[in-house]
Amino acid sequence: MWMFFIWHTVTDTILRRMPDYINYICPQFSETDINFQRIPTVDTSNPFIARWIPTADESMVIIRFRDPRGIDFPYLVSMIHDSFMSRANSIVIPGNKLDLAMQLILTPIVMQLIERKR
């Protein structure tokens, strides 16, 4: 009985907050310079019965660049094993390569910001 109560409470909370997700969270995705979206590669068709969160090995990550100018996609694809371009501004990587991808993408950007500050 208590399990049904928890499930019902969680479901109600998700549904109650859905308008905030639609109106405030989703619009932010189109404004980000770089968006990292993790996609599970296992069945999550009914998230209310899921027992475990998909692991990095059970996921892919789509990295979308709002402005792809200056992004060296051939370099990223060569450095991140099993990655590929899905669109002119997006790269798909295995979920367990997220740390490497973030280092390769963000380190030069951080270094440019530091250099500009000087």
PDB file of N, CA and C in Angstrom:
ATOM      1  N   MET A   1       0.821  -1.194   0.000  1.00  0.00           N
ATOM      2  CA  MET A   1       0.000   0.000   0.000  1.00  0.00           C
ATOM      3  C   MET A   1       0.865   1.258   0.000  1.00  0.00           C
ATOM      4  N   TRP A   2       1.924   1.288   0.814  1.00  0.00           N
ATOM      5  CA  TRP A   2       2.767   2.477   0.884  1.00  0.00           C
ATOM      6  C   TRP A   2       3.468   2.733  -0.442  1.00  0.00           C
ATOM      7  N   MET A   3       3.771   1.666  -1.204  1.00  0.00           N
ATOM      8  CA  MET A   3       4.428   1.833  -2.498  1.00  0.00           C
ATOM      9  C   MET A   3       3.502   2.555  -3.471  1.00  0.00           C
ATOM     10  N   PHE A   4       2.213   2.210  -3.449  1.00  0.00           N
ATOM     11  CA  PHE A   4       1.238   2.896  -4.298  1.00  0.00           C
ATOM     12  C   PHE A   4       1.157   4.368  -3.921  1.00  0.00           C
ATOM     13  N   PHE A   5       1.181   4.660  -2.627  1.00  0.00           N
ATOM     14  CA  PHE A   5       1.108   6.043  -2.158  1.00  0.00           C
ATOM     15  C   PHE A   5       2.300   6.847  -2.680  1.00  0.00           C
ATOM     16  N   ILE A   6       3.499   6.283  -2.579  1.00  0.00           N
ATOM     17  CA  ILE A   6       4.696   6.972  -3.064  1.00  0.00           C
ATOM     18  C   ILE A   6       4.604   7.184  -4.563  1.00  0.00           C
ATOM     19  N   TRP A   7       4.226   6.136  -5.309  1.00  0.00           N
ATOM     20  CA  TRP A   7       4.102   6.250  -6.760  1.00  0.00           C
ATOM     21  C   TRP A   7       3.102   7.330  -7.127  1.00  0.00           C
ATOM     22  N   HIS A   8       1.966   7.332  -6.451  1.00  0.00           N
ATOM     23  CA  HIS A   8       0.913   8.304  -6.722  1.00  0.00           C
ATOM     24  C   HIS A   8       1.394   9.722  -6.414  1.00  0.00           C
ATOM     25  N   THR A   9       2.092   9.896  -5.306  1.00  0.00           N
ATOM     26  CA  THR A   9       2.605  11.205  -4.913  1.00  0.00           C
ATOM     27  C   THR A   9       3.632  11.714  -5.922  1.00  0.00           C
ATOM     28  N   VAL A  10       4.538  10.845  -6.343  1.00  0.00           N
ATOM     29  CA  VAL A  10       5.551  11.234  -7.321  1.00  0.00           C
ATOM     30  C   VAL A  10       4.892  11.609  -8.645  1.00  0.00           C
ATOM     31  N   THR A  11       3.971  10.797  -9.092  1.00  0.00           N
ATOM     32  CA  THR A  11       3.266  11.075 -10.348  1.00  0.00           C
ATOM     33  C   THR A  11       2.527  12.407 -10.278  1.00  0.00           C
ATOM     34  N   ASP A  12       1.833  12.650  -9.186  1.00  0.00           N
ATOM     35  CA  ASP A  12       1.117  13.921  -9.014  1.00  0.00           C
ATOM     36  C   ASP A  12       2.084  15.110  -9.056  1.00  0.00           C
ATOM     37  N   THR A  13       3.222  14.967  -8.420  1.00  0.00           N
ATOM     38  CA  THR A  13       4.222  16.043  -8.408  1.00  0.00           C
ATOM     39  C   THR A  13       4.733  16.325  -9.814  1.00  0.00           C
ATOM     40  N   ILE A  14       5.047  15.278 -10.548  1.00  0.00           N
ATOM     41  CA  ILE A  14       5.530  15.446 -11.928  1.00  0.00           C
ATOM     42  C   ILE A  14       4.472  16.148 -12.776  1.00  0.00           C
ATOM     43  N   LEU A  15       3.253  15.695 -12.701  1.00  0.00           N
ATOM     44  CA  LEU A  15       2.184  16.291 -13.502  1.00  0.00           C
ATOM     45  C   LEU A  15       1.901  17.736 -13.093  1.00  0.00           C
ATOM     46  N   ARG A  16       1.966  18.019 -11.808  1.00  0.00           N
ATOM     47  CA  ARG A  16       1.723  19.376 -11.323  1.00  0.00           C
ATOM     48  C   ARG A  16       2.805  20.342 -11.809  1.00  0.00           C
ATOM     49  N   ARG A  17       4.037  19.845 -11.948  1.00  0.00           N
ATOM     50  CA  ARG A  17       5.154  20.705 -12.359  1.00  0.00           C
ATOM     51  C   ARG A  17       5.369  20.724 -13.870  1.00  0.00           C
ATOM     52  N   MET A  18       4.626  19.935 -14.623  1.00  0.00           N
ATOM     53  CA  MET A  18       4.795  19.868 -16.074  1.00  0.00           C
ATOM     54  C   MET A  18       4.676  21.232 -16.761  1.00  0.00           C
ATOM     55  N   PRO A  19       3.708  22.085 -16.395  1.00  0.00           N
ATOM     56  CA  PRO A  19       3.658  23.401 -17.046  1.00  0.00           C
ATOM     57  C   PRO A  19       4.943  24.212 -16.853  1.00  0.00           C
ATOM     58  N   ASP A  20       5.565  24.124 -15.693  1.00  0.00           N
ATOM     59  CA  ASP A  20       6.835  24.822 -15.476  1.00  0.00           C
ATOM     60  C   ASP A  20       7.916  24.275 -16.404  1.00  0.00           C
ATOM     61  N   TYR A  21       7.949  22.963 -16.574  1.00  0.00           N
ATOM     62  CA  TYR A  21       8.923  22.339 -17.464  1.00  0.00           C
ATOM     63  C   TYR A  21       8.714  22.839 -18.899  1.00  0.00           C
ATOM     64  N   ILE A  22       7.465  22.857 -19.331  1.00  0.00           N
ATOM     65  CA  ILE A  22       7.147  23.270 -20.696  1.00  0.00           C
ATOM     66  C   ILE A  22       7.416  24.755 -20.907  1.00  0.00           C
ATOM     67  N   ASN A  23       7.014  25.582 -19.949  1.00  0.00           N
ATOM     68  CA  ASN A  23       7.085  27.038 -20.124  1.00  0.00           C
ATOM     69  C   ASN A  23       8.424  27.663 -19.758  1.00  0.00           C
ATOM     70  N   TYR A  24       9.186  27.031 -18.864  1.00  0.00           N
ATOM     71  CA  TYR A  24      10.416  27.666 -18.391  1.00  0.00           C
ATOM     72  C   TYR A  24      11.687  26.875 -18.691  1.00  0.00           C
ATOM     73  N   ILE A  25      11.635  25.567 -18.573  1.00  0.00           N
ATOM     74  CA  ILE A  25      12.830  24.750 -18.778  1.00  0.00           C
ATOM     75  C   ILE A  25      13.094  24.527 -20.271  1.00  0.00           C
ATOM     76  N   CYS A  26      12.117  24.002 -20.993  1.00  0.00           N
ATOM     77  CA  CYS A  26      12.316  23.691 -22.412  1.00  0.00           C
ATOM     78  C   CYS A  26      12.780  24.891 -23.240  1.00  0.00           C
ATOM     79  N   PRO A  27      12.199  26.093 -23.074  1.00  0.00           N
ATOM     80  CA  PRO A  27      12.674  27.223 -23.882  1.00  0.00           C
ATOM     81  C   PRO A  27      14.154  27.548 -23.673  1.00  0.00           C
ATOM     82  N   GLN A  28      14.699  27.193 -22.516  1.00  0.00           N
ATOM     83  CA  GLN A  28      16.112  27.472 -22.262  1.00  0.00           C
ATOM     84  C   GLN A  28      17.034  26.651 -23.147  1.00  0.00           C
ATOM     85  N   PHE A  29      16.590  25.474 -23.578  1.00  0.00           N
ATOM     86  CA  PHE A  29      17.446  24.612 -24.391  1.00  0.00           C
ATOM     87  C   PHE A  29      17.822  25.265 -25.710  1.00  0.00           C
ATOM     88  N   SER A  30      16.921  26.048 -26.297  1.00  0.00           N
ATOM     89  CA  SER A  30      17.228  26.698 -27.573  1.00  0.00           C
ATOM     90  C   SER A  30      18.130  27.911 -27.387  1.00  0.00           C
ATOM     91  N   GLU A  31      18.352  28.340 -26.163  1.00  0.00           N
ATOM     92  CA  GLU A  31      19.202  29.496 -25.883  1.00  0.00           C
ATOM     93  C   GLU A  31      20.624  29.115 -25.471  1.00  0.00           C
ATOM     94  N   THR A  32      20.867  27.856 -25.195  1.00  0.00           N
ATOM     95  CA  THR A  32      22.194  27.452 -24.731  1.00  0.00           C
ATOM     96  C   THR A  32      23.183  27.423 -25.884  1.00  0.00           C
ATOM     97  N   ASP A  33      24.418  27.800 -25.609  1.00  0.00           N
ATOM     98  CA  ASP A  33      25.466  27.735 -26.627  1.00  0.00           C
ATOM     99  C   ASP A  33      25.815  26.285 -26.944  1.00  0.00           C
ATOM    100  N   ILE A  34      25.893  25.469 -25.906  1.00  0.00           N
ATOM    101  CA  ILE A  34      26.180  24.047 -26.067  1.00  0.00           C
ATOM    102  C   ILE A  34      25.195  23.289 -25.182  1.00  0.00           C
ATOM    103  N   ASN A  35      24.502  22.333 -25.752  1.00  0.00           N
ATOM    104  CA  ASN A  35      23.530  21.555 -24.992  1.00  0.00           C
ATOM    105  C   ASN A  35      23.945  20.084 -24.998  1.00  0.00           C
ATOM    106  N   PHE A  36      24.042  19.490 -23.829  1.00  0.00           N
ATOM    107  CA  PHE A  36      24.361  18.075 -23.667  1.00  0.00           C
ATOM    108  C   PHE A  36      23.072  17.363 -23.265  1.00  0.00           C
ATOM    109  N   GLN A  37      22.603  16.452 -24.111  1.00  0.00           N
ATOM    110  CA  GLN A  37      21.364  15.722 -23.823  1.00  0.00           C
ATOM    111  C   GLN A  37      21.655  14.232 -23.774  1.00  0.00           C
ATOM    112  N   ARG A  38      21.421  13.635 -22.620  1.00  0.00           N
ATOM    113  CA  ARG A  38      21.665  12.200 -22.442  1.00  0.00           C
ATOM    114  C   ARG A  38      20.419  11.413 -22.832  1.00  0.00           C
ATOM    115  N   ILE A  39      20.605  10.425 -23.707  1.00  0.00           N
ATOM    116  CA  ILE A  39      19.507   9.626 -24.225  1.00  0.00           C
ATOM    117  C   ILE A  39      19.741   8.167 -23.830  1.00  0.00           C
ATOM    118  N   PRO A  40      18.813   7.549 -23.095  1.00  0.00           N
ATOM    119  CA  PRO A  40      18.996   6.139 -22.748  1.00  0.00           C
ATOM    120  C   PRO A  40      18.843   5.241 -23.972  1.00  0.00           C
ATOM    121  N   THR A  41      19.584   4.154 -23.980  1.00  0.00           N
ATOM    122  CA  THR A  41      19.475   3.162 -25.062  1.00  0.00           C
ATOM    123  C   THR A  41      18.824   1.881 -24.552  1.00  0.00           C
ATOM    124  N   VAL A  42      18.161   1.980 -23.429  1.00  0.00           N
ATOM    125  CA  VAL A  42      17.380   0.871 -22.873  1.00  0.00           C
ATOM    126  C   VAL A  42      15.926   1.317 -22.780  1.00  0.00           C
ATOM    127  N   ASP A  43      15.040   0.379 -22.602  1.00  0.00           N
ATOM    128  CA  ASP A  43      13.615   0.683 -22.572  1.00  0.00           C
ATOM    129  C   ASP A  43      13.261   1.546 -21.365  1.00  0.00           C
ATOM    130  N   THR A  44      12.788   2.747 -21.643  1.00  0.00           N
ATOM    131  CA  THR A  44      12.287   3.642 -20.594  1.00  0.00           C
ATOM    132  C   THR A  44      10.865   4.082 -20.938  1.00  0.00           C
ATOM    133  N   SER A  45      10.158   3.238 -21.677  1.00  0.00           N
ATOM    134  CA  SER A  45       8.832   3.613 -22.157  1.00  0.00           C
ATOM    135  C   SER A  45       7.844   3.904 -21.027  1.00  0.00           C
ATOM    136  N   ASN A  46       8.010   3.254 -19.891  1.00  0.00           N
ATOM    137  CA  ASN A  46       7.162   3.554 -18.739  1.00  0.00           C
ATOM    138  C   ASN A  46       8.073   3.932 -17.569  1.00  0.00           C
ATOM    139  N   PRO A  47       8.395   5.221 -17.461  1.00  0.00           N
ATOM    140  CA  PRO A  47       9.335   5.637 -16.409  1.00  0.00           C
ATOM    141  C   PRO A  47       8.803   5.443 -14.998  1.00  0.00           C
ATOM    142  N   PHE A  48       7.507   5.229 -14.867  1.00  0.00           N
ATOM    143  CA  PHE A  48       6.919   5.082 -13.536  1.00  0.00           C
ATOM    144  C   PHE A  48       7.155   3.704 -12.933  1.00  0.00           C
ATOM    145  N   ILE A  49       7.591   2.747 -13.751  1.00  0.00           N
ATOM    146  CA  ILE A  49       7.889   1.414 -13.209  1.00  0.00           C
ATOM    147  C   ILE A  49       9.389   1.124 -13.227  1.00  0.00           C
ATOM    148  N   ALA A  50      10.173   2.067 -13.732  1.00  0.00           N
ATOM    149  CA  ALA A  50      11.618   1.858 -13.819  1.00  0.00           C
ATOM    150  C   ALA A  50      12.209   1.687 -12.420  1.00  0.00           C
ATOM    151  N   ARG A  51      13.100   0.742 -12.293  1.00  0.00           N
ATOM    152  CA  ARG A  51      13.748   0.484 -11.006  1.00  0.00           C
ATOM    153  C   ARG A  51      15.127   1.142 -10.937  1.00  0.00           C
ATOM    154  N   TRP A  52      15.767   1.328 -12.087  1.00  0.00           N
ATOM    155  CA  TRP A  52      17.105   1.888 -12.124  1.00  0.00           C
ATOM    156  C   TRP A  52      17.187   2.977 -13.176  1.00  0.00           C
ATOM    157  N   ILE A  53      18.030   3.941 -12.916  1.00  0.00           N
ATOM    158  CA  ILE A  53      18.337   4.976 -13.903  1.00  0.00           C
ATOM    159  C   ILE A  53      19.340   4.375 -14.869  1.00  0.00           C
ATOM    160  N   PRO A  54      19.139   4.540 -16.188  1.00  0.00           N
ATOM    161  CA  PRO A  54      20.122   3.994 -17.135  1.00  0.00           C
ATOM    162  C   PRO A  54      21.530   4.529 -16.855  1.00  0.00           C
ATOM    163  N   THR A  55      22.504   3.646 -16.939  1.00  0.00           N
ATOM    164  CA  THR A  55      23.891   4.026 -16.683  1.00  0.00           C
ATOM    165  C   THR A  55      24.468   4.741 -17.898  1.00  0.00           C
ATOM    166  N   ALA A  56      25.658   5.287 -17.743  1.00  0.00           N
ATOM    167  CA  ALA A  56      26.341   5.934 -18.859  1.00  0.00           C
ATOM    168  C   ALA A  56      26.569   4.944 -20.000  1.00  0.00           C
ATOM    169  N   ASP A  57      26.873   3.690 -19.665  1.00  0.00           N
ATOM    170  CA  ASP A  57      27.071   2.670 -20.702  1.00  0.00           C
ATOM    171  C   ASP A  57      25.775   2.316 -21.427  1.00  0.00           C
ATOM    172  N   GLU A  58      24.640   2.665 -20.846  1.00  0.00           N
ATOM    173  CA  GLU A  58      23.339   2.400 -21.455  1.00  0.00           C
ATOM    174  C   GLU A  58      22.749   3.667 -22.080  1.00  0.00           C
ATOM    175  N   SER A  59      23.619   4.630 -22.391  1.00  0.00           N
ATOM    176  CA  SER A  59      23.164   5.917 -22.891  1.00  0.00           C
ATOM    177  C   SER A  59      24.051   6.420 -24.021  1.00  0.00           C
ATOM    178  N   MET A  60      23.482   7.337 -24.775  1.00  0.00           N
ATOM    179  CA  MET A  60      24.225   8.128 -25.745  1.00  0.00           C
ATOM    180  C   MET A  60      24.033   9.577 -25.328  1.00  0.00           C
ATOM    181  N   VAL A  61      24.918  10.445 -25.774  1.00  0.00           N
ATOM    182  CA  VAL A  61      24.789  11.873 -25.481  1.00  0.00           C
ATOM    183  C   VAL A  61      24.793  12.622 -26.804  1.00  0.00           C
ATOM    184  N   ILE A  62      23.817  13.476 -26.972  1.00  0.00           N
ATOM    185  CA  ILE A  62      23.774  14.355 -28.137  1.00  0.00           C
ATOM    186  C   ILE A  62      24.274  15.717 -27.685  1.00  0.00           C
ATOM    187  N   ILE A  63      25.289  16.209 -28.375  1.00  0.00           N
ATOM    188  CA  ILE A  63      25.855  17.516 -28.056  1.00  0.00           C
ATOM    189  C   ILE A  63      25.508  18.446 -29.223  1.00  0.00           C
ATOM    190  N   ARG A  64      24.688  19.452 -28.920  1.00  0.00           N
ATOM    191  CA  ARG A  64      24.269  20.405 -29.955  1.00  0.00           C
ATOM    192  C   ARG A  64      24.912  21.759 -29.706  1.00  0.00           C
ATOM    193  N   PHE A  65      25.462  22.331 -30.765  1.00  0.00           N
ATOM    194  CA  PHE A  65      26.086  23.643 -30.713  1.00  0.00           C
ATOM    195  C   PHE A  65      25.158  24.636 -31.395  1.00  0.00           C
ATOM    196  N   ARG A  66      24.803  25.703 -30.689  1.00  0.00           N
ATOM    197  CA  ARG A  66      23.915  26.707 -31.289  1.00  0.00           C
ATOM    198  C   ARG A  66      24.570  27.332 -32.504  1.00  0.00           C
ATOM    199  N   ASP A  67      25.854  27.664 -32.391  1.00  0.00           N
ATOM    200  CA  ASP A  67      26.611  28.217 -33.516  1.00  0.00           C
ATOM    201  C   ASP A  67      27.826  27.319 -33.736  1.00  0.00           C
ATOM    202  N   PRO A  68      27.775  26.448 -34.744  1.00  0.00           N
ATOM    203  CA  PRO A  68      28.864  25.480 -34.926  1.00  0.00           C
ATOM    204  C   PRO A  68      30.135  26.067 -35.549  1.00  0.00           C
ATOM    205  N   ARG A  69      30.108  27.363 -35.911  1.00  0.00           N
ATOM    206  CA  ARG A  69      31.320  27.957 -36.484  1.00  0.00           C
ATOM    207  C   ARG A  69      32.465  27.890 -35.475  1.00  0.00           C
ATOM    208  N   GLY A  70      33.598  27.427 -35.934  1.00  0.00           N
ATOM    209  CA  GLY A  70      34.771  27.335 -35.076  1.00  0.00           C
ATOM    210  C   GLY A  70      34.890  26.011 -34.329  1.00  0.00           C
ATOM    211  N   ILE A  71      33.896  25.153 -34.417  1.00  0.00           N
ATOM    212  CA  ILE A  71      33.962  23.845 -33.759  1.00  0.00           C
ATOM    213  C   ILE A  71      34.609  22.864 -34.735  1.00  0.00           C
ATOM    214  N   ASP A  72      35.661  22.218 -34.292  1.00  0.00           N
ATOM    215  CA  ASP A  72      36.392  21.274 -35.143  1.00  0.00           C
ATOM    216  C   ASP A  72      35.770  19.889 -34.991  1.00  0.00           C
ATOM    217  N   PHE A  73      34.685  19.668 -35.725  1.00  0.00           N
ATOM    218  CA  PHE A  73      33.964  18.403 -35.616  1.00  0.00           C
ATOM    219  C   PHE A  73      34.812  17.194 -36.033  1.00  0.00           C
ATOM    220  N   PRO A  74      35.601  17.279 -37.130  1.00  0.00           N
ATOM    221  CA  PRO A  74      36.436  16.124 -37.475  1.00  0.00           C
ATOM    222  C   PRO A  74      37.400  15.737 -36.340  1.00  0.00           C
ATOM    223  N   TYR A  75      37.942  16.738 -35.661  1.00  0.00           N
ATOM    224  CA  TYR A  75      38.837  16.472 -34.531  1.00  0.00           C
ATOM    225  C   TYR A  75      38.074  15.761 -33.406  1.00  0.00           C
ATOM    226  N   LEU A  76      36.891  16.280 -33.052  1.00  0.00           N
ATOM    227  CA  LEU A  76      36.113  15.668 -31.972  1.00  0.00           C
ATOM    228  C   LEU A  76      35.744  14.225 -32.308  1.00  0.00           C
ATOM    229  N   VAL A  77      35.301  13.984 -33.535  1.00  0.00           N
ATOM    230  CA  VAL A  77      34.919  12.628 -33.942  1.00  0.00           C
ATOM    231  C   VAL A  77      36.127  11.700 -33.909  1.00  0.00           C
ATOM    232  N   SER A  78      37.291  12.224 -34.269  1.00  0.00           N
ATOM    233  CA  SER A  78      38.497  11.376 -34.246  1.00  0.00           C
ATOM    234  C   SER A  78      38.974  11.093 -32.822  1.00  0.00           C
ATOM    235  N   MET A  79      38.719  11.998 -31.910  1.00  0.00           N
ATOM    236  CA  MET A  79      39.188  11.845 -30.531  1.00  0.00           C
ATOM    237  C   MET A  79      38.219  11.050 -29.652  1.00  0.00           C
ATOM    238  N   ILE A  80      36.940  11.030 -30.022  1.00  0.00           N
ATOM    239  CA  ILE A  80      35.930  10.354 -29.203  1.00  0.00           C
ATOM    240  C   ILE A  80      35.476   9.112 -29.961  1.00  0.00           C
ATOM    241  N   HIS A  81      35.965   7.964 -29.524  1.00  0.00           N
ATOM    242  CA  HIS A  81      35.681   6.691 -30.177  1.00  0.00           C
ATOM    243  C   HIS A  81      34.177   6.440 -30.255  1.00  0.00           C
ATOM    244  N   ASP A  82      33.712   5.967 -31.396  1.00  0.00           N
ATOM    245  CA  ASP A  82      32.298   5.634 -31.646  1.00  0.00           C
ATOM    246  C   ASP A  82      31.382   6.853 -31.689  1.00  0.00           C
ATOM    247  N   SER A  83      31.927   8.038 -31.901  1.00  0.00           N
ATOM    248  CA  SER A  83      31.081   9.224 -32.046  1.00  0.00           C
ATOM    249  C   SER A  83      30.797   9.463 -33.524  1.00  0.00           C
ATOM    250  N   PHE A  84      29.760  10.248 -33.780  1.00  0.00           N
ATOM    251  CA  PHE A  84      29.423  10.588 -35.166  1.00  0.00           C
ATOM    252  C   PHE A  84      28.600  11.869 -35.192  1.00  0.00           C
ATOM    253  N   MET A  85      28.583  12.486 -36.363  1.00  0.00           N
ATOM    254  CA  MET A  85      27.783  13.684 -36.578  1.00  0.00           C
ATOM    255  C   MET A  85      26.364  13.253 -36.930  1.00  0.00           C
ATOM    256  N   SER A  86      25.377  13.822 -36.268  1.00  0.00           N
ATOM    257  CA  SER A  86      23.992  13.520 -36.612  1.00  0.00           C
ATOM    258  C   SER A  86      23.361  14.661 -37.408  1.00  0.00           C
ATOM    259  N   ARG A  87      23.892  15.837 -37.246  1.00  0.00           N
ATOM    260  CA  ARG A  87      23.478  17.031 -37.992  1.00  0.00           C
ATOM    261  C   ARG A  87      24.699  17.932 -38.112  1.00  0.00           C
ATOM    262  N   ALA A  88      24.539  19.003 -38.864  1.00  0.00           N
ATOM    263  CA  ALA A  88      25.671  19.910 -39.083  1.00  0.00           C
ATOM    264  C   ALA A  88      26.140  20.587 -37.793  1.00  0.00           C
ATOM    265  N   ASN A  89      25.271  20.632 -36.782  1.00  0.00           N
ATOM    266  CA  ASN A  89      25.647  21.285 -35.524  1.00  0.00           C
ATOM    267  C   ASN A  89      25.598  20.338 -34.325  1.00  0.00           C
ATOM    268  N   SER A  90      25.538  19.027 -34.591  1.00  0.00           N
ATOM    269  CA  SER A  90      25.392  18.067 -33.488  1.00  0.00           C
ATOM    270  C   SER A  90      26.310  16.868 -33.661  1.00  0.00           C
ATOM    271  N   ILE A  91      26.800  16.399 -32.525  1.00  0.00           N
ATOM    272  CA  ILE A  91      27.624  15.197 -32.492  1.00  0.00           C
ATOM    273  C   ILE A  91      26.994  14.246 -31.478  1.00  0.00           C
ATOM    274  N   VAL A  92      27.040  12.962 -31.766  1.00  0.00           N
ATOM    275  CA  VAL A  92      26.506  11.937 -30.861  1.00  0.00           C
ATOM    276  C   VAL A  92      27.691  11.131 -30.346  1.00  0.00           C
ATOM    277  N   ILE A  93      27.728  10.947 -29.032  1.00  0.00           N
ATOM    278  CA  ILE A  93      28.839  10.220 -28.412  1.00  0.00           C
ATOM    279  C   ILE A  93      28.285   9.145 -27.480  1.00  0.00           C
ATOM    280  N   PRO A  94      29.065   8.099 -27.217  1.00  0.00           N
ATOM    281  CA  PRO A  94      28.657   7.141 -26.183  1.00  0.00           C
ATOM    282  C   PRO A  94      28.578   7.849 -24.826  1.00  0.00           C
ATOM    283  N   GLY A  95      27.618   7.460 -24.020  1.00  0.00           N
ATOM    284  CA  GLY A  95      27.422   8.103 -22.726  1.00  0.00           C
ATOM    285  C   GLY A  95      28.638   8.064 -21.823  1.00  0.00           C
ATOM    286  N   ASN A  96      29.437   7.000 -21.926  1.00  0.00           N
ATOM    287  CA  ASN A  96      30.612   6.898 -21.058  1.00  0.00           C
ATOM    288  C   ASN A  96      31.782   7.755 -21.542  1.00  0.00           C
ATOM    289  N   LYS A  97      31.596   8.510 -22.610  1.00  0.00           N
ATOM    290  CA  LYS A  97      32.640   9.415 -23.120  1.00  0.00           C
ATOM    291  C   LYS A  97      32.311  10.877 -22.823  1.00  0.00           C
ATOM    292  N   LEU A  98      31.310  11.111 -21.984  1.00  0.00           N
ATOM    293  CA  LEU A  98      30.887  12.487 -21.699  1.00  0.00           C
ATOM    294  C   LEU A  98      32.000  13.309 -21.068  1.00  0.00           C
ATOM    295  N   ASP A  99      32.719  12.761 -20.098  1.00  0.00           N
ATOM    296  CA  ASP A  99      33.795  13.515 -19.449  1.00  0.00           C
ATOM    297  C   ASP A  99      34.849  13.946 -20.466  1.00  0.00           C
ATOM    298  N   LEU A 100      35.260  13.020 -21.320  1.00  0.00           N
ATOM    299  CA  LEU A 100      36.254  13.335 -22.346  1.00  0.00           C
ATOM    300  C   LEU A 100      35.730  14.414 -23.284  1.00  0.00           C
ATOM    301  N   ALA A 101      34.489  14.277 -23.733  1.00  0.00           N
ATOM    302  CA  ALA A 101      33.913  15.262 -24.646  1.00  0.00           C
ATOM    303  C   ALA A 101      33.862  16.644 -24.007  1.00  0.00           C
ATOM    304  N   MET A 102      33.481  16.710 -22.754  1.00  0.00           N
ATOM    305  CA  MET A 102      33.419  18.006 -22.074  1.00  0.00           C
ATOM    306  C   MET A 102      34.802  18.629 -21.962  1.00  0.00           C
ATOM    307  N   GLN A 103      35.803  17.808 -21.689  1.00  0.00           N
ATOM    308  CA  GLN A 103      37.177  18.334 -21.634  1.00  0.00           C
ATOM    309  C   GLN A 103      37.612  18.869 -22.991  1.00  0.00           C
ATOM    310  N   LEU A 104      37.370  18.088 -24.039  1.00  0.00           N
ATOM    311  CA  LEU A 104      37.795  18.501 -25.377  1.00  0.00           C
ATOM    312  C   LEU A 104      37.060  19.748 -25.863  1.00  0.00           C
ATOM    313  N   ILE A 105      35.810  19.885 -25.518  1.00  0.00           N
ATOM    314  CA  ILE A 105      35.002  21.001 -25.989  1.00  0.00           C
ATOM    315  C   ILE A 105      35.185  22.242 -25.116  1.00  0.00           C
ATOM    316  N   LEU A 106      35.152  22.053 -23.807  1.00  0.00           N
ATOM    317  CA  LEU A 106      35.107  23.199 -22.906  1.00  0.00           C
ATOM    318  C   LEU A 106      36.471  23.771 -22.531  1.00  0.00           C
ATOM    319  N   THR A 107      37.528  22.951 -22.535  1.00  0.00           N
ATOM    320  CA  THR A 107      38.847  23.469 -22.161  1.00  0.00           C
ATOM    321  C   THR A 107      39.288  24.628 -23.050  1.00  0.00           C
ATOM    322  N   PRO A 108      39.208  24.509 -24.374  1.00  0.00           N
ATOM    323  CA  PRO A 108      39.606  25.657 -25.202  1.00  0.00           C
ATOM    324  C   PRO A 108      38.745  26.898 -24.956  1.00  0.00           C
ATOM    325  N   ILE A 109      37.466  26.699 -24.678  1.00  0.00           N
ATOM    326  CA  ILE A 109      36.577  27.838 -24.419  1.00  0.00           C
ATOM    327  C   ILE A 109      36.971  28.532 -23.125  1.00  0.00           C
ATOM    328  N   VAL A 110      37.242  27.747 -22.090  1.00  0.00           N
ATOM    329  CA  VAL A 110      37.668  28.320 -20.810  1.00  0.00           C
ATOM    330  C   VAL A 110      39.004  29.042 -20.975  1.00  0.00           C
ATOM    331  N   MET A 111      39.909  28.454 -21.724  1.00  0.00           N
ATOM    332  CA  MET A 111      41.211  29.093 -21.943  1.00  0.00           C
ATOM    333  C   MET A 111      41.039  30.431 -22.686  1.00  0.00           C
ATOM    334  N   GLN A 112      40.147  30.493 -23.657  1.00  0.00           N
ATOM    335  CA  GLN A 112      39.877  31.756 -24.363  1.00  0.00           C
ATOM    336  C   GLN A 112      39.308  32.804 -23.417  1.00  0.00           C
ATOM    337  N   LEU A 113      38.407  32.390 -22.536  1.00  0.00           N
ATOM    338  CA  LEU A 113      37.837  33.324 -21.570  1.00  0.00           C
ATOM    339  C   LEU A 113      38.910  33.871 -20.630  1.00  0.00           C
ATOM    340  N   ILE A 114      39.806  33.005 -20.179  1.00  0.00           N
ATOM    341  CA  ILE A 114      40.891  33.430 -19.304  1.00  0.00           C
ATOM    342  C   ILE A 114      41.813  34.409 -20.033  1.00  0.00           C
ATOM    343  N   GLU A 115      42.133  34.076 -21.285  1.00  0.00           N
ATOM    344  CA  GLU A 115      43.011  34.943 -22.072  1.00  0.00           C
ATOM    345  C   GLU A 115      42.369  36.298 -22.332  1.00  0.00           C
ATOM    346  N   ARG A 116      41.083  36.328 -22.616  1.00  0.00           N
ATOM    347  CA  ARG A 116      40.364  37.586 -22.837  1.00  0.00           C
ATOM    348  C   ARG A 116      40.370  38.460 -21.600  1.00  0.00           C
ATOM    349  N   LYS A 117      40.276  37.816 -20.421  1.00  0.00           N
ATOM    350  CA  LYS A 117      40.259  38.577 -19.176  1.00  0.00           C
ATOM    351  C   LYS A 117      41.583  39.294 -18.927  1.00  0.00           C
ATOM    352  N   ARG A 118      42.664  38.651 -19.373  1.00  0.00           N
ATOM    353  CA  ARG A 118      43.989  39.270 -19.215  1.00  0.00           C
ATOM    354  C   ARG A 118      44.100  40.419 -20.156  1.00  0.00           C
TER     355      ARG A 118
END
